[in-house]
Amino acid sequence: MPSTTEAPPADPVPCTNEMIAVKAEVDGPERPVGERMVLRLVVTNSSDEPCVRDLDPGRQEIVVWSSDGSERLWSSNDCSSAKGADLRTLAPGEPVSFSVRWAGRTSAAGCPERRETVPPGEYRLLTRVDDVISPPTQFVRNP
């Protein structure tokens, strides 16, 4: 009986920016002011082969903007010191998500102590991995 020998799988290639899709998600389209929201960055390998990407927290960002995108209100990177390589093998089509619980307050680079509550209104969430930026996801903060 002849034996069939399969070639060993090749090492995954590095994920280029063109091989990944980045998405922003919220745990609900509306939340009352004062209630925390879960904000997510979702990375998906949009190619047809496994690839490896460094998803170091310093290379990711989750950002809350005003509804028209003119004012940056909060960023996951402002008060975080998390850094370090996080090499992940991304299977084709399989999402990997990272989430934070946002308290609904502003932030700024360097994490100044003065932080204000973001008032009721419409806002947009964007996420990024390196320079791959998600389309905006709209959400509402109710009184």
N, C-alpha and C. Protein backbone atom coordinates (compact mmCIF):
# COMPACT_ATOMS: atom_id res chain seq x y z
N MET A 1 0.86 -1.17 0.00
CA MET A 1 0.00 0.00 0.00
C MET A 1 0.90 1.23 0.00
N PRO A 2 0.74 2.13 -0.99
CA PRO A 2 1.60 3.32 -1.03
C PRO A 2 1.24 4.28 0.10
N SER A 3 2.26 4.91 0.64
CA SER A 3 2.01 5.89 1.71
C SER A 3 1.95 7.29 1.09
N THR A 4 1.08 8.08 1.64
CA THR A 4 0.99 9.46 1.18
C THR A 4 1.69 10.33 2.22
N THR A 5 2.54 11.15 1.75
CA THR A 5 3.27 12.04 2.64
C THR A 5 2.84 13.46 2.35
N GLU A 6 2.36 14.10 3.39
CA GLU A 6 1.98 15.50 3.23
C GLU A 6 3.17 16.37 3.55
N ALA A 7 3.29 17.45 2.83
CA ALA A 7 4.37 18.39 3.12
C ALA A 7 4.08 19.05 4.46
N PRO A 8 5.11 19.27 5.26
CA PRO A 8 4.88 19.95 6.53
C PRO A 8 4.36 21.36 6.27
N PRO A 9 3.49 21.85 7.15
CA PRO A 9 2.96 23.20 6.93
C PRO A 9 4.09 24.23 6.96
N ALA A 10 3.99 25.18 6.07
CA ALA A 10 5.00 26.25 6.04
C ALA A 10 4.78 27.16 7.23
N ASP A 11 5.84 27.80 7.67
CA ASP A 11 5.71 28.77 8.75
C ASP A 11 4.80 29.89 8.26
N PRO A 12 3.95 30.40 9.15
CA PRO A 12 3.09 31.51 8.73
C PRO A 12 3.93 32.72 8.31
N VAL A 13 3.45 33.42 7.34
CA VAL A 13 4.13 34.62 6.85
C VAL A 13 3.77 35.79 7.77
N PRO A 14 4.57 36.84 7.77
CA PRO A 14 4.19 38.03 8.55
C PRO A 14 2.92 38.65 7.96
N CYS A 15 2.01 39.10 8.82
CA CYS A 15 0.78 39.77 8.37
C CYS A 15 1.14 41.18 7.93
N THR A 16 0.89 41.49 6.69
CA THR A 16 1.06 42.87 6.22
C THR A 16 -0.22 43.63 6.55
N ASN A 17 -0.17 44.95 6.44
CA ASN A 17 -1.37 45.76 6.68
C ASN A 17 -2.50 45.35 5.74
N GLU A 18 -2.15 44.94 4.53
CA GLU A 18 -3.17 44.55 3.56
C GLU A 18 -3.85 43.23 3.92
N MET A 19 -3.24 42.46 4.83
CA MET A 19 -3.79 41.15 5.20
C MET A 19 -4.71 41.20 6.41
N ILE A 20 -4.82 42.37 7.06
CA ILE A 20 -5.67 42.44 8.25
C ILE A 20 -6.77 43.48 8.09
N ALA A 21 -7.87 43.22 8.78
CA ALA A 21 -8.98 44.17 8.87
C ALA A 21 -9.14 44.52 10.35
N VAL A 22 -9.38 45.78 10.63
CA VAL A 22 -9.54 46.25 12.01
C VAL A 22 -10.94 46.84 12.14
N LYS A 23 -11.62 46.49 13.23
CA LYS A 23 -13.00 46.93 13.45
C LYS A 23 -13.14 47.46 14.88
N ALA A 24 -14.04 48.41 15.07
CA ALA A 24 -14.37 48.96 16.39
C ALA A 24 -15.77 48.49 16.77
N GLU A 25 -15.91 48.00 18.01
CA GLU A 25 -17.22 47.53 18.49
C GLU A 25 -17.50 48.09 19.88
N VAL A 26 -18.79 48.31 20.15
CA VAL A 26 -19.25 48.69 21.49
C VAL A 26 -20.24 47.63 21.95
N ASP A 27 -20.41 47.51 23.26
CA ASP A 27 -21.31 46.47 23.77
C ASP A 27 -22.78 46.86 23.70
N GLY A 28 -23.08 47.93 23.07
CA GLY A 28 -24.46 48.37 22.84
C GLY A 28 -24.42 49.74 22.22
N PRO A 29 -25.38 50.07 21.35
CA PRO A 29 -25.34 51.35 20.66
C PRO A 29 -25.66 52.54 21.56
N GLU A 30 -26.27 52.28 22.73
CA GLU A 30 -26.62 53.36 23.66
C GLU A 30 -26.31 52.94 25.08
N ARG A 31 -25.84 53.91 25.88
CA ARG A 31 -25.54 53.69 27.29
C ARG A 31 -25.83 54.98 28.04
N PRO A 32 -26.38 54.88 29.26
CA PRO A 32 -26.56 56.10 30.05
C PRO A 32 -25.22 56.61 30.58
N VAL A 33 -25.10 57.94 30.68
CA VAL A 33 -23.92 58.54 31.29
C VAL A 33 -23.83 57.97 32.71
N GLY A 34 -22.64 57.62 33.12
CA GLY A 34 -22.43 57.04 34.44
C GLY A 34 -22.29 55.52 34.41
N GLU A 35 -22.68 54.91 33.31
CA GLU A 35 -22.54 53.45 33.16
C GLU A 35 -21.34 53.16 32.28
N ARG A 36 -20.51 52.22 32.70
CA ARG A 36 -19.33 51.86 31.91
C ARG A 36 -19.74 51.13 30.63
N MET A 37 -18.92 51.31 29.60
CA MET A 37 -19.14 50.65 28.31
C MET A 37 -17.94 49.77 28.00
N VAL A 38 -18.19 48.66 27.34
CA VAL A 38 -17.09 47.83 26.86
C VAL A 38 -16.82 48.24 25.41
N LEU A 39 -15.57 48.65 25.16
CA LEU A 39 -15.12 49.05 23.83
C LEU A 39 -14.14 47.99 23.34
N ARG A 40 -14.29 47.57 22.09
CA ARG A 40 -13.45 46.49 21.57
C ARG A 40 -12.75 46.87 20.27
N LEU A 41 -11.53 46.39 20.16
CA LEU A 41 -10.76 46.43 18.92
C LEU A 41 -10.75 44.99 18.42
N VAL A 42 -11.17 44.77 17.19
CA VAL A 42 -11.21 43.43 16.62
C VAL A 42 -10.30 43.40 15.39
N VAL A 43 -9.36 42.45 15.40
CA VAL A 43 -8.43 42.27 14.28
C VAL A 43 -8.76 40.94 13.62
N THR A 44 -8.89 40.96 12.30
CA THR A 44 -9.18 39.74 11.56
C THR A 44 -8.21 39.61 10.40
N ASN A 45 -7.69 38.41 10.24
CA ASN A 45 -6.84 38.11 9.08
C ASN A 45 -7.78 37.97 7.89
N SER A 46 -7.70 38.91 6.97
CA SER A 46 -8.60 38.89 5.81
C SER A 46 -7.98 38.18 4.60
N SER A 47 -6.81 37.59 4.80
CA SER A 47 -6.19 36.84 3.70
C SER A 47 -6.62 35.38 3.76
N ASP A 48 -6.09 34.57 2.84
CA ASP A 48 -6.46 33.15 2.84
C ASP A 48 -5.36 32.26 3.40
N GLU A 49 -4.38 32.86 4.10
CA GLU A 49 -3.32 32.06 4.71
C GLU A 49 -3.02 32.56 6.12
N PRO A 50 -2.59 31.66 7.02
CA PRO A 50 -2.24 32.10 8.36
C PRO A 50 -1.07 33.08 8.29
N CYS A 51 -1.09 34.05 9.21
CA CYS A 51 0.02 35.01 9.25
C CYS A 51 0.27 35.42 10.69
N VAL A 52 1.44 35.99 10.94
CA VAL A 52 1.85 36.38 12.28
C VAL A 52 1.93 37.90 12.36
N ARG A 53 1.36 38.46 13.43
CA ARG A 53 1.38 39.91 13.63
C ARG A 53 1.69 40.21 15.09
N ASP A 54 2.50 41.23 15.33
CA ASP A 54 2.78 41.68 16.69
C ASP A 54 1.63 42.57 17.13
N LEU A 55 0.86 42.11 18.10
CA LEU A 55 -0.27 42.86 18.62
C LEU A 55 0.05 43.46 19.98
N ASP A 56 1.29 43.92 20.13
CA ASP A 56 1.76 44.63 21.31
C ASP A 56 0.74 45.72 21.68
N PRO A 57 0.34 45.82 22.96
CA PRO A 57 -0.64 46.84 23.34
C PRO A 57 -0.25 48.26 22.92
N GLY A 58 1.03 48.56 22.85
CA GLY A 58 1.47 49.88 22.41
C GLY A 58 1.22 50.13 20.93
N ARG A 59 0.95 49.07 20.17
CA ARG A 59 0.69 49.19 18.73
C ARG A 59 -0.81 49.23 18.44
N GLN A 60 -1.63 49.07 19.47
CA GLN A 60 -3.09 49.10 19.33
C GLN A 60 -3.61 50.37 20.01
N GLU A 61 -4.78 50.81 19.57
CA GLU A 61 -5.40 51.94 20.24
C GLU A 61 -6.90 51.89 20.02
N ILE A 62 -7.63 52.25 21.05
CA ILE A 62 -9.09 52.39 21.01
C ILE A 62 -9.35 53.85 21.37
N VAL A 63 -10.06 54.59 20.50
CA VAL A 63 -10.21 56.03 20.70
C VAL A 63 -11.68 56.45 20.55
N VAL A 64 -12.15 57.28 21.50
CA VAL A 64 -13.48 57.88 21.44
C VAL A 64 -13.32 59.30 20.90
N TRP A 65 -14.12 59.61 19.88
CA TRP A 65 -14.11 60.92 19.23
C TRP A 65 -15.49 61.56 19.32
N SER A 66 -15.54 62.87 19.13
CA SER A 66 -16.82 63.56 19.00
C SER A 66 -17.52 63.01 17.77
N SER A 67 -18.82 63.26 17.65
CA SER A 67 -19.60 62.67 16.55
C SER A 67 -19.11 63.09 15.17
N ASP A 68 -18.54 64.29 15.06
CA ASP A 68 -18.04 64.74 13.75
C ASP A 68 -16.56 64.42 13.54
N GLY A 69 -15.93 63.78 14.54
CA GLY A 69 -14.53 63.39 14.41
C GLY A 69 -13.55 64.53 14.61
N SER A 70 -14.02 65.69 15.09
CA SER A 70 -13.12 66.83 15.23
C SER A 70 -12.38 66.87 16.57
N GLU A 71 -12.93 66.19 17.58
CA GLU A 71 -12.32 66.24 18.91
C GLU A 71 -12.07 64.85 19.46
N ARG A 72 -10.81 64.58 19.79
CA ARG A 72 -10.42 63.31 20.41
C ARG A 72 -10.69 63.44 21.91
N LEU A 73 -11.53 62.55 22.45
CA LEU A 73 -11.95 62.67 23.84
C LEU A 73 -11.24 61.71 24.79
N TRP A 74 -10.95 60.51 24.31
CA TRP A 74 -10.35 59.48 25.17
C TRP A 74 -9.58 58.49 24.32
N SER A 75 -8.45 58.00 24.86
CA SER A 75 -7.67 56.97 24.18
C SER A 75 -7.21 55.93 25.19
N SER A 76 -7.23 54.68 24.77
CA SER A 76 -6.76 53.59 25.61
C SER A 76 -5.27 53.70 25.90
N ASN A 77 -4.53 54.46 25.10
CA ASN A 77 -3.09 54.57 25.28
C ASN A 77 -2.66 55.70 26.20
N ASP A 78 -3.57 56.64 26.51
CA ASP A 78 -3.19 57.81 27.31
C ASP A 78 -2.67 57.45 28.70
N CYS A 79 -3.31 56.53 29.37
CA CYS A 79 -2.96 56.21 30.76
C CYS A 79 -2.43 54.79 30.91
N SER A 80 -2.09 54.16 29.82
CA SER A 80 -1.61 52.77 29.87
C SER A 80 -0.10 52.72 29.68
N SER A 81 0.52 51.87 30.46
CA SER A 81 1.96 51.66 30.28
C SER A 81 2.24 50.25 29.73
N ALA A 82 1.17 49.55 29.32
CA ALA A 82 1.31 48.19 28.80
C ALA A 82 2.08 48.21 27.49
N LYS A 83 3.17 47.48 27.47
CA LYS A 83 3.97 47.35 26.26
C LYS A 83 4.64 45.99 26.28
N GLY A 84 5.03 45.53 25.13
CA GLY A 84 5.72 44.25 25.04
C GLY A 84 5.20 43.46 23.87
N ALA A 85 6.09 42.78 23.21
CA ALA A 85 5.72 42.00 22.03
C ALA A 85 4.62 41.00 22.37
N ASP A 86 3.69 40.86 21.45
CA ASP A 86 2.59 39.90 21.58
C ASP A 86 2.37 39.29 20.20
N LEU A 87 3.27 38.40 19.80
CA LEU A 87 3.19 37.80 18.47
C LEU A 87 2.04 36.80 18.44
N ARG A 88 1.14 37.00 17.50
CA ARG A 88 -0.02 36.13 17.35
C ARG A 88 -0.07 35.57 15.95
N THR A 89 -0.39 34.27 15.86
CA THR A 89 -0.66 33.68 14.56
C THR A 89 -2.16 33.84 14.32
N LEU A 90 -2.51 34.56 13.28
CA LEU A 90 -3.91 34.84 12.95
C LEU A 90 -4.36 33.89 11.85
N ALA A 91 -5.35 33.08 12.16
CA ALA A 91 -5.91 32.17 11.17
C ALA A 91 -6.81 32.97 10.22
N PRO A 92 -6.90 32.56 8.97
CA PRO A 92 -7.76 33.28 8.02
C PRO A 92 -9.20 33.40 8.53
N GLY A 93 -9.72 34.62 8.53
CA GLY A 93 -11.11 34.86 8.91
C GLY A 93 -11.42 34.79 10.38
N GLU A 94 -10.47 34.44 11.21
CA GLU A 94 -10.74 34.29 12.65
C GLU A 94 -10.43 35.58 13.39
N PRO A 95 -11.45 36.21 14.03
CA PRO A 95 -11.21 37.48 14.72
C PRO A 95 -10.50 37.28 16.07
N VAL A 96 -9.69 38.27 16.42
CA VAL A 96 -9.04 38.34 17.73
C VAL A 96 -9.46 39.69 18.29
N SER A 97 -10.00 39.71 19.52
CA SER A 97 -10.47 40.99 20.05
C SER A 97 -9.77 41.35 21.36
N PHE A 98 -9.70 42.65 21.57
CA PHE A 98 -9.13 43.24 22.77
C PHE A 98 -10.16 44.24 23.27
N SER A 99 -10.45 44.21 24.57
CA SER A 99 -11.49 45.10 25.07
C SER A 99 -11.04 45.87 26.30
N VAL A 100 -11.70 47.02 26.50
CA VAL A 100 -11.50 47.83 27.69
C VAL A 100 -12.87 48.25 28.20
N ARG A 101 -12.95 48.47 29.51
CA ARG A 101 -14.17 49.03 30.09
C ARG A 101 -13.92 50.53 30.27
N TRP A 102 -14.66 51.32 29.51
CA TRP A 102 -14.50 52.77 29.53
C TRP A 102 -15.44 53.39 30.55
N ALA A 103 -14.88 54.21 31.44
CA ALA A 103 -15.67 54.84 32.51
C ALA A 103 -16.43 56.08 32.03
N GLY A 104 -16.23 56.47 30.77
CA GLY A 104 -16.99 57.60 30.24
C GLY A 104 -16.36 58.95 30.56
N ARG A 105 -15.05 58.95 30.83
CA ARG A 105 -14.36 60.21 31.10
C ARG A 105 -13.32 60.48 30.02
N THR A 106 -12.93 61.75 29.92
CA THR A 106 -11.91 62.14 28.96
C THR A 106 -10.54 61.69 29.43
N SER A 107 -9.58 61.74 28.51
CA SER A 107 -8.18 61.49 28.85
C SER A 107 -7.34 62.30 27.88
N ALA A 108 -6.05 62.37 28.18
CA ALA A 108 -5.11 63.07 27.30
C ALA A 108 -3.76 62.39 27.44
N ALA A 109 -2.89 62.61 26.47
CA ALA A 109 -1.55 62.03 26.51
C ALA A 109 -0.86 62.43 27.81
N GLY A 110 -0.18 61.48 28.42
CA GLY A 110 0.50 61.73 29.68
C GLY A 110 -0.39 61.51 30.90
N CYS A 111 -1.66 61.28 30.67
CA CYS A 111 -2.63 60.95 31.72
C CYS A 111 -2.73 62.02 32.82
N PRO A 112 -3.10 63.25 32.44
CA PRO A 112 -3.28 64.27 33.48
C PRO A 112 -4.41 63.87 34.43
N GLU A 113 -4.31 64.36 35.66
CA GLU A 113 -5.31 63.98 36.67
C GLU A 113 -6.70 64.51 36.34
N ARG A 114 -6.79 65.68 35.73
CA ARG A 114 -8.10 66.28 35.45
C ARG A 114 -8.76 65.55 34.28
N ARG A 115 -9.84 64.86 34.60
CA ARG A 115 -10.59 64.13 33.58
C ARG A 115 -12.06 64.45 33.78
N GLU A 116 -12.73 64.78 32.69
CA GLU A 116 -14.13 65.18 32.77
C GLU A 116 -15.05 64.09 32.23
N THR A 117 -16.26 64.06 32.76
CA THR A 117 -17.26 63.12 32.26
C THR A 117 -17.69 63.56 30.86
N VAL A 118 -17.72 62.62 29.93
CA VAL A 118 -18.18 62.90 28.57
C VAL A 118 -19.71 63.02 28.64
N PRO A 119 -20.27 64.16 28.22
CA PRO A 119 -21.71 64.41 28.37
C PRO A 119 -22.57 63.56 27.43
N PRO A 120 -23.89 63.60 27.66
CA PRO A 120 -24.79 62.89 26.74
C PRO A 120 -24.59 63.41 25.31
N GLY A 121 -24.78 62.51 24.36
CA GLY A 121 -24.64 62.89 22.96
C GLY A 121 -24.21 61.72 22.10
N GLU A 122 -23.94 62.02 20.84
CA GLU A 122 -23.48 61.02 19.88
C GLU A 122 -21.97 61.08 19.77
N TYR A 123 -21.35 59.92 19.65
CA TYR A 123 -19.89 59.82 19.58
C TYR A 123 -19.50 58.75 18.56
N ARG A 124 -18.22 58.71 18.23
CA ARG A 124 -17.73 57.67 17.33
C ARG A 124 -16.51 57.01 17.96
N LEU A 125 -16.41 55.72 17.72
CA LEU A 125 -15.30 54.92 18.22
C LEU A 125 -14.47 54.47 17.02
N LEU A 126 -13.16 54.65 17.12
CA LEU A 126 -12.24 54.14 16.11
C LEU A 126 -11.17 53.34 16.81
N THR A 127 -10.64 52.35 16.12
CA THR A 127 -9.55 51.55 16.66
C THR A 127 -8.46 51.45 15.62
N ARG A 128 -7.27 51.08 16.06
CA ARG A 128 -6.18 50.91 15.11
C ARG A 128 -5.19 49.88 15.61
N VAL A 129 -4.50 49.25 14.66
CA VAL A 129 -3.32 48.44 14.91
C VAL A 129 -2.27 49.04 13.99
N ASP A 130 -1.20 49.57 14.59
CA ASP A 130 -0.20 50.33 13.84
C ASP A 130 -0.92 51.42 13.06
N ASP A 131 -0.82 51.42 11.73
CA ASP A 131 -1.51 52.47 10.96
C ASP A 131 -2.71 51.94 10.19
N VAL A 132 -3.24 50.78 10.59
CA VAL A 132 -4.47 50.26 10.01
C VAL A 132 -5.61 50.72 10.93
N ILE A 133 -6.47 51.59 10.41
CA ILE A 133 -7.52 52.22 11.21
C ILE A 133 -8.88 51.68 10.80
N SER A 134 -9.71 51.42 11.81
CA SER A 134 -11.06 50.90 11.56
C SER A 134 -11.97 51.99 11.02
N PRO A 135 -13.07 51.58 10.39
CA PRO A 135 -14.13 52.54 10.11
C PRO A 135 -14.76 52.94 11.46
N PRO A 136 -15.38 54.12 11.55
CA PRO A 136 -15.98 54.53 12.82
C PRO A 136 -17.24 53.73 13.16
N THR A 137 -17.45 53.53 14.45
CA THR A 137 -18.67 52.92 14.97
C THR A 137 -19.33 53.99 15.84
N GLN A 138 -20.58 54.31 15.52
CA GLN A 138 -21.30 55.35 16.26
C GLN A 138 -21.92 54.76 17.53
N PHE A 139 -22.00 55.56 18.58
CA PHE A 139 -22.75 55.18 19.79
C PHE A 139 -23.28 56.44 20.45
N VAL A 140 -24.23 56.23 21.38
CA VAL A 140 -24.91 57.35 22.04
C VAL A 140 -24.78 57.19 23.55
N ARG A 141 -24.51 58.32 24.22
CA ARG A 141 -24.56 58.38 25.68
C ARG A 141 -25.83 59.14 26.05
N ASN A 142 -26.71 58.47 26.77
CA ASN A 142 -28.00 59.07 27.15
C ASN A 142 -27.88 59.73 28.53
N PRO A 143 -28.75 60.75 28.77
CA PRO A 143 -28.74 61.40 30.09
C PRO A 143 -29.16 60.45 31.19
